[in-house]
Protein backbone atom coordinates (compact mmCIF):
# COMPACT_ATOMS: atom_id res chain seq x y z
CA MET A 1 -14.58 3.27 40.78
CA ARG A 2 -13.89 6.98 40.33
CA LYS A 3 -11.45 8.17 37.65
CA VAL A 4 -9.22 10.90 39.08
CA ILE A 5 -6.37 13.22 38.18
CA PHE A 6 -4.20 14.33 41.10
CA ASP A 7 -2.97 17.93 40.66
CA CYS A 8 -0.43 18.63 43.40
CA ASP A 9 2.65 20.48 44.71
CA PRO A 10 4.40 17.89 46.94
CA GLY A 11 4.69 18.98 49.82
CA HIS A 12 4.34 16.76 52.87
CA ASP A 13 0.56 16.87 52.93
CA ASP A 14 0.33 16.20 49.19
CA ILE A 15 2.16 12.94 49.84
CA PHE A 16 -0.35 12.10 52.59
CA ALA A 17 -3.09 12.59 49.99
CA PHE A 18 -1.21 10.60 47.35
CA CYS A 19 -0.79 7.66 49.73
CA LEU A 20 -4.52 7.68 50.42
CA ILE A 21 -5.29 7.60 46.69
CA ALA A 22 -2.69 4.92 45.92
CA SER A 23 -3.82 2.67 48.76
CA HIS A 24 -7.45 2.56 47.60
CA LYS A 25 -7.33 1.13 44.10
CA GLU A 26 -10.86 -0.17 44.59
CA ALA A 27 -12.08 3.43 44.85
CA PHE A 28 -9.75 5.39 42.56
CA ASP A 29 -8.56 4.87 39.02
CA LEU A 30 -5.65 7.31 39.09
CA LEU A 31 -5.08 8.43 35.50
CA GLY A 32 -1.99 10.40 36.43
CA CYS A 33 -0.49 13.22 38.47
CA THR A 34 0.22 16.80 37.47
CA THR A 35 2.57 19.07 39.39
CA VAL A 36 2.48 22.81 39.98
CA ALA A 37 4.68 25.36 41.72
CA GLY A 38 3.39 25.98 45.22
CA ASN A 39 5.02 24.58 48.32
CA GLN A 40 8.27 24.77 46.34
CA THR A 41 9.32 25.33 42.74
CA VAL A 42 7.80 23.04 40.14
CA ASP A 43 11.18 21.36 39.57
CA LYS A 44 11.49 20.48 43.25
CA VAL A 45 7.93 19.28 43.77
CA THR A 46 8.09 17.15 40.62
CA ASP A 47 11.31 15.58 41.85
CA ASN A 48 9.68 14.91 45.23
CA LEU A 49 6.81 13.05 43.60
CA CYS A 50 9.22 10.99 41.49
CA ARG A 51 11.21 9.99 44.57
CA VAL A 52 8.09 8.96 46.46
CA MET A 53 6.76 6.91 43.56
CA ASP A 54 10.10 5.12 43.27
CA TYR A 55 10.24 4.48 47.01
CA LEU A 56 6.69 3.11 47.10
CA GLN A 57 7.20 1.12 43.88
CA LEU A 58 4.30 2.90 42.18
CA ASP A 59 4.08 3.88 38.55
CA TYR A 60 1.64 6.56 37.41
CA PRO A 61 2.06 9.11 34.63
CA ILE A 62 3.53 12.40 35.86
CA ALA A 63 3.06 15.63 33.91
CA LYS A 64 5.16 18.61 34.95
CA GLY A 65 3.05 21.72 35.21
CA SER A 66 3.12 25.45 35.72
CA SER A 67 6.25 27.09 37.12
CA SER A 68 4.48 30.33 38.03
CA SER A 69 0.98 31.64 38.59
CA MET A 70 -1.26 32.99 35.84
CA SER A 71 -0.01 36.47 36.76
CA GLY A 72 3.61 35.32 36.51
CA ASN A 73 4.45 35.26 40.22
CA THR A 74 5.96 32.45 42.29
CA TYR A 75 5.56 32.06 46.03
CA VAL A 76 6.97 29.08 47.96
CA GLN A 77 6.72 27.83 51.54
CA PRO A 78 10.14 26.72 52.88
CA GLN A 79 9.04 27.64 56.42
CA ALA A 80 6.63 24.71 56.51
CA HIS A 81 8.08 22.32 53.93
CA GLY A 82 11.82 23.02 53.90
CA GLU A 83 14.15 23.87 51.06
CA SER A 84 13.32 20.68 49.15
CA GLY A 85 9.59 21.11 49.67
CA MET A 86 9.56 17.73 51.38
CA ASP A 87 12.28 17.87 54.03
CA GLY A 88 12.55 15.03 56.53
CA PRO A 89 12.96 11.65 54.86
CA ILE A 90 16.10 11.06 52.82
CA LEU A 91 14.95 9.32 49.65
CA PRO A 92 17.22 8.16 46.82
CA SER A 93 17.46 10.28 43.70
CA SER A 94 15.04 9.31 40.97
CA ASN A 95 15.94 8.47 37.39
CA ARG A 96 12.28 8.46 36.42
CA ARG A 97 11.78 10.14 33.08
CA ILE A 98 9.07 12.78 32.97
CA GLU A 99 7.37 12.02 29.67
CA TYR A 100 4.97 14.94 29.80
CA LEU A 101 6.41 18.44 30.20
CA ASP A 102 3.13 20.33 29.76
CA ALA A 103 0.60 19.34 32.40
CA VAL A 104 -2.19 21.40 30.84
CA ALA A 105 -1.76 19.70 27.47
CA TRP A 106 -1.63 16.30 29.17
CA MET A 107 -4.80 17.02 31.15
CA ARG A 108 -6.62 18.19 28.03
CA GLU A 109 -5.58 15.11 26.05
CA THR A 110 -6.30 12.69 28.89
CA LEU A 111 -9.71 14.16 29.67
CA SER A 112 -10.75 14.22 26.03
CA GLN A 113 -10.07 10.48 25.77
CA GLN A 114 -12.38 9.54 28.65
CA SER A 115 -15.84 8.16 28.06
CA GLU A 116 -16.98 9.33 31.50
CA PRO A 117 -16.23 12.58 33.35
CA VAL A 118 -13.23 12.66 35.69
CA THR A 119 -12.73 14.07 39.19
CA ILE A 120 -9.79 16.43 39.59
CA ILE A 121 -8.25 16.36 43.07
CA ALA A 122 -6.34 19.64 43.38
CA THR A 123 -4.11 20.12 46.41
CA GLY A 124 -1.90 22.99 45.27
CA PRO A 125 -2.43 26.37 43.64
CA LEU A 126 -5.04 26.07 40.90
CA THR A 127 -2.78 27.29 38.08
CA ASN A 128 -2.90 24.14 35.96
CA VAL A 129 -6.67 23.81 36.25
CA GLY A 130 -7.24 27.51 35.68
CA ARG A 131 -5.08 27.48 32.56
CA LEU A 132 -6.85 24.37 31.30
CA LEU A 133 -10.27 25.99 31.64
CA ASP A 134 -9.01 29.26 30.16
CA GLU A 135 -7.46 27.63 27.10
CA SER A 136 -10.06 24.89 26.56
CA PRO A 137 -13.38 25.90 28.16
CA GLU A 138 -15.19 23.07 26.37
CA ILE A 139 -13.20 20.50 28.38
CA LYS A 140 -15.25 21.23 31.50
CA ASP A 141 -17.86 18.74 30.27
CA LYS A 142 -15.23 16.06 30.88
CA ILE A 143 -14.80 17.08 34.54
CA SER A 144 -17.39 15.73 36.96
CA GLN A 145 -16.06 17.50 40.04
CA ILE A 146 -13.10 19.43 41.39
CA SER A 147 -12.23 18.42 44.95
CA LEU A 148 -9.75 20.96 46.19
CA MET A 149 -7.82 21.94 49.25
CA GLY A 150 -7.86 25.68 49.48
CA GLY A 151 -9.63 28.74 50.76
CA SER A 152 -11.50 29.50 53.93
CA VAL A 153 -14.85 30.90 54.93
CA TYR A 154 -13.44 33.07 57.70
CA SER A 155 -9.77 34.02 58.19
CA GLY A 156 -6.66 33.07 56.21
CA ASN A 157 -3.28 31.58 57.06
CA ILE A 158 -0.67 33.04 54.69
CA THR A 159 -2.33 36.45 55.21
CA LEU A 160 -5.11 37.69 57.46
CA SER A 161 -7.60 37.02 54.70
CA ALA A 162 -6.23 34.37 52.38
CA GLU A 163 -5.31 30.69 52.44
CA PHE A 164 -2.00 29.83 50.76
CA ASN A 165 -3.16 27.85 47.69
CA ILE A 166 -5.68 30.47 46.63
CA TYR A 167 -3.35 33.37 47.47
CA VAL A 168 -0.62 32.00 45.18
CA ASP A 169 -2.89 32.15 42.12
CA PRO A 170 -6.18 33.95 42.73
CA ILE A 171 -6.71 34.49 38.99
CA ALA A 172 -6.68 30.73 38.39
CA ALA A 173 -8.92 30.16 41.41
CA ASP A 174 -11.39 32.71 40.07
CA LYS A 175 -11.60 30.84 36.77
CA VAL A 176 -12.20 27.56 38.59
CA PHE A 177 -14.93 28.89 40.87
CA ARG A 178 -16.67 30.61 37.95
CA SER A 179 -16.50 27.52 35.72
CA GLY A 180 -19.80 25.95 36.75
CA ILE A 181 -18.05 22.66 37.54
CA PRO A 182 -19.20 21.15 40.86
CA ILE A 183 -16.63 22.07 43.52
CA VAL A 184 -15.98 20.51 46.91
CA MET A 185 -13.80 22.91 48.89
CA SER A 186 -11.74 21.69 51.82
CA GLY A 187 -10.75 24.97 53.43
CA LEU A 188 -9.03 25.95 56.64
CA GLU A 189 -12.09 25.34 58.79
CA VAL A 190 -12.29 21.60 58.14
CA CYS A 191 -8.51 21.23 57.90
CA ASN A 192 -8.11 22.68 61.37
CA GLU A 193 -10.58 20.05 62.56
CA THR A 194 -8.44 17.25 61.13
CA MET A 195 -5.16 17.90 62.90
CA MET A 196 -2.84 15.05 63.70
CA MET A 197 -1.90 15.71 67.31
CA HIS A 198 1.81 15.68 68.02
CA ASP A 199 1.54 12.68 70.33
CA GLU A 200 -0.21 10.68 67.58
CA ILE A 201 2.67 10.85 65.12
CA ASN A 202 4.31 7.88 66.78
CA LEU A 203 1.41 5.71 65.60
CA PHE A 204 3.22 5.60 62.24
CA ASN A 205 6.48 4.54 63.89
CA ARG A 206 5.93 0.92 62.94
CA GLU A 207 7.21 -1.62 60.47
CA GLY A 208 6.47 -0.93 56.83
CA ALA A 209 8.08 1.26 54.18
CA ALA A 210 5.05 3.50 53.71
CA SER A 211 4.56 3.96 57.45
CA ARG A 212 8.23 4.86 57.86
CA LEU A 213 7.92 7.46 55.10
CA ILE A 214 4.84 9.04 56.66
CA PHE A 215 6.41 9.00 60.12
CA GLU A 216 9.50 10.84 58.89
CA LEU A 217 7.39 13.31 56.93
CA LEU A 218 5.26 14.06 59.98
CA GLU A 219 8.30 14.41 62.24
CA PHE A 220 9.53 17.31 60.09
CA TYR A 221 6.10 18.68 59.19
CA SER A 222 5.07 18.98 62.83
CA GLN A 223 8.00 21.27 63.65
CA TYR A 224 6.31 24.24 61.99
CA ALA A 225 3.05 23.64 63.87
CA LYS A 226 4.99 23.45 67.13
CA LYS A 227 6.63 26.81 66.39
CA LEU A 228 3.14 28.24 66.02
CA ASN A 229 2.10 26.62 69.33
CA GLN A 230 -0.52 24.48 67.62
CA PRO A 231 -1.52 21.22 69.35
CA GLY A 232 -1.14 19.31 66.10
CA SER A 233 -0.52 19.52 62.38
CA PRO A 234 -3.46 20.05 60.01
CA LEU A 235 -3.39 17.33 57.36
CA PHE A 236 -4.67 19.78 54.71
CA ASP A 237 -4.32 17.97 51.37
CA LEU A 238 -5.40 14.63 52.78
CA VAL A 239 -8.86 16.03 53.53
CA PRO A 240 -10.38 16.16 50.01
CA VAL A 241 -9.28 12.57 49.39
CA ALA A 242 -10.64 11.40 52.74
CA HIS A 243 -13.95 13.06 51.88
CA LEU A 244 -14.14 11.24 48.54
CA LEU A 245 -13.53 7.95 50.35
CA LYS A 246 -15.80 8.56 53.35
CA PRO A 247 -18.10 11.56 52.90
CA GLU A 248 -20.08 10.50 55.96
CA LEU A 249 -17.18 11.67 58.15
CA PHE A 250 -17.72 15.31 57.15
CA GLY A 251 -20.26 18.07 57.51
CA SER A 252 -20.62 20.72 54.83
CA LYS A 253 -22.52 23.80 53.72
CA LEU A 254 -23.36 25.16 50.28
CA TYR A 255 -22.00 28.65 49.63
CA ARG A 256 -21.50 31.10 46.84
CA ILE A 257 -17.73 31.63 46.75
CA GLU A 258 -16.13 34.59 45.00
CA ILE A 259 -12.36 35.09 44.71
CA GLU A 260 -10.76 38.44 45.50
CA THR A 261 -8.05 38.82 42.84
CA GLU A 262 -6.73 42.32 43.52
CA GLY A 263 -7.29 43.51 47.08
CA LEU A 264 -4.32 45.05 48.90
CA ILE A 265 -5.26 43.26 52.13
CA THR A 266 -7.75 40.71 50.82
CA LYS A 267 -6.02 39.34 47.69
CA GLY A 268 -6.69 35.60 47.44
CA LYS A 269 -9.61 35.62 49.85
CA THR A 270 -12.42 33.16 49.16
CA VAL A 271 -15.39 35.38 49.91
CA ALA A 272 -18.36 33.31 51.03
CA ASP A 273 -21.87 34.70 50.85
CA LEU A 274 -22.99 34.14 54.44
CA ARG A 275 -26.17 36.19 54.23
CA LEU A 276 -29.20 34.30 55.47
CA TRP A 277 -31.28 35.67 52.60
CA SER A 278 -28.78 34.86 49.85
CA ASP A 279 -30.03 33.05 46.76
CA SER A 280 -29.19 29.36 47.22
CA SER A 281 -29.37 28.79 43.46
CA ARG A 282 -26.16 30.83 43.12
CA CYS A 283 -24.14 28.50 45.36
CA ASN A 284 -21.10 27.17 43.51
CA ALA A 285 -19.28 25.14 46.16
CA GLN A 286 -19.90 22.49 48.75
CA VAL A 287 -17.66 23.69 51.56
CA LEU A 288 -16.55 21.13 54.13
CA MET A 289 -16.80 22.63 57.62
CA THR A 290 -16.63 19.81 60.18
CA ALA A 291 -15.07 16.37 60.45
CA ASP A 292 -14.87 13.33 62.70
CA ARG A 293 -11.20 13.86 63.49
CA SER A 294 -10.47 10.51 65.08
CA ALA A 295 -12.11 8.64 62.20
CA VAL A 296 -10.08 10.58 59.63
CA ILE A 297 -6.86 9.79 61.50
CA GLN A 298 -7.85 6.12 61.62
CA LEU A 299 -8.55 6.16 57.87
CA PHE A 300 -5.06 7.61 57.33
CA LEU A 301 -3.45 4.92 59.50
CA ASP A 302 -5.38 2.09 57.88
CA SER A 303 -4.67 3.34 54.36
CA VAL A 304 -0.92 3.55 54.93
CA ALA A 305 -1.03 0.04 56.41
CA LEU A 306 -2.61 -1.13 53.14
CA LEU A 307 0.34 0.37 51.27
CA ASP A 308 2.74 -1.36 53.63
CA ARG A 309 1.14 -4.71 52.88
CA SER A 310 1.14 -4.11 49.12
CA LEU A 311 4.87 -3.39 49.23
CA ILE A 312 5.54 -6.59 51.14
CA GLY A 313 3.37 -8.51 48.69
CA GLY A 314 5.15 -6.93 45.75
């Protein structure tokens, strides 16, 4: 069993990832979740996670994290995720008390207490992780791997060059990629290979509380992809979790990744060293490039069905 911390900005696709983690208790020992401003403000994304945990009758520690990037900026995505950050399903308000109001302090304390290194699954901007490594560089010995959704080898999405999560906080991303911690990067290339086609969304239109939640999330989430004339919706944040569960479904390459922190046009770009003669010993990331799309979709369906059954059993 792998001990994990889930660092997220929920976000429709963060909830897809969370459901995958929560449904596989045989694979993941989820120590807790940290939130960060990204898809929406940190207040909104934290509230979204609380509502989902209540709805799914799950109880994990939640630590509220950074409200702005390491440079002090905030950039949200209402176009894709709505004003709440998780538009679509109407979930009851949560009275869940957030016990930890400093995600970085919680991560540092939690990691220091572990006898074995922990995997951080990061599906939002890397602000919390970057701050953690900046303030407590010695803690990296307690981190076995960072599995993140972010970046791209080729073109971006939020700009010509940059993917959203890295663009929001390139300074934090730079600290993460320079840390020496093993990184598995799920960038735009593999995420675009793991789209849920629009006509597949109805597969979640079935009995079960978790399935109903995912169906309603996808119904809203797919609207943005349709506006962009895409055949489906990339599942983005689900990908790093799916890879941890079933690495055989993915193809990857080792690259040296550098982060552009200042460029006028290229700010936030994950610059991959694609030269054939580059020094392989300098590679700092395993970059997922390909995926068995149908198998990933089936894993998603099966995992949500497991959650459905656990709710009935509970």
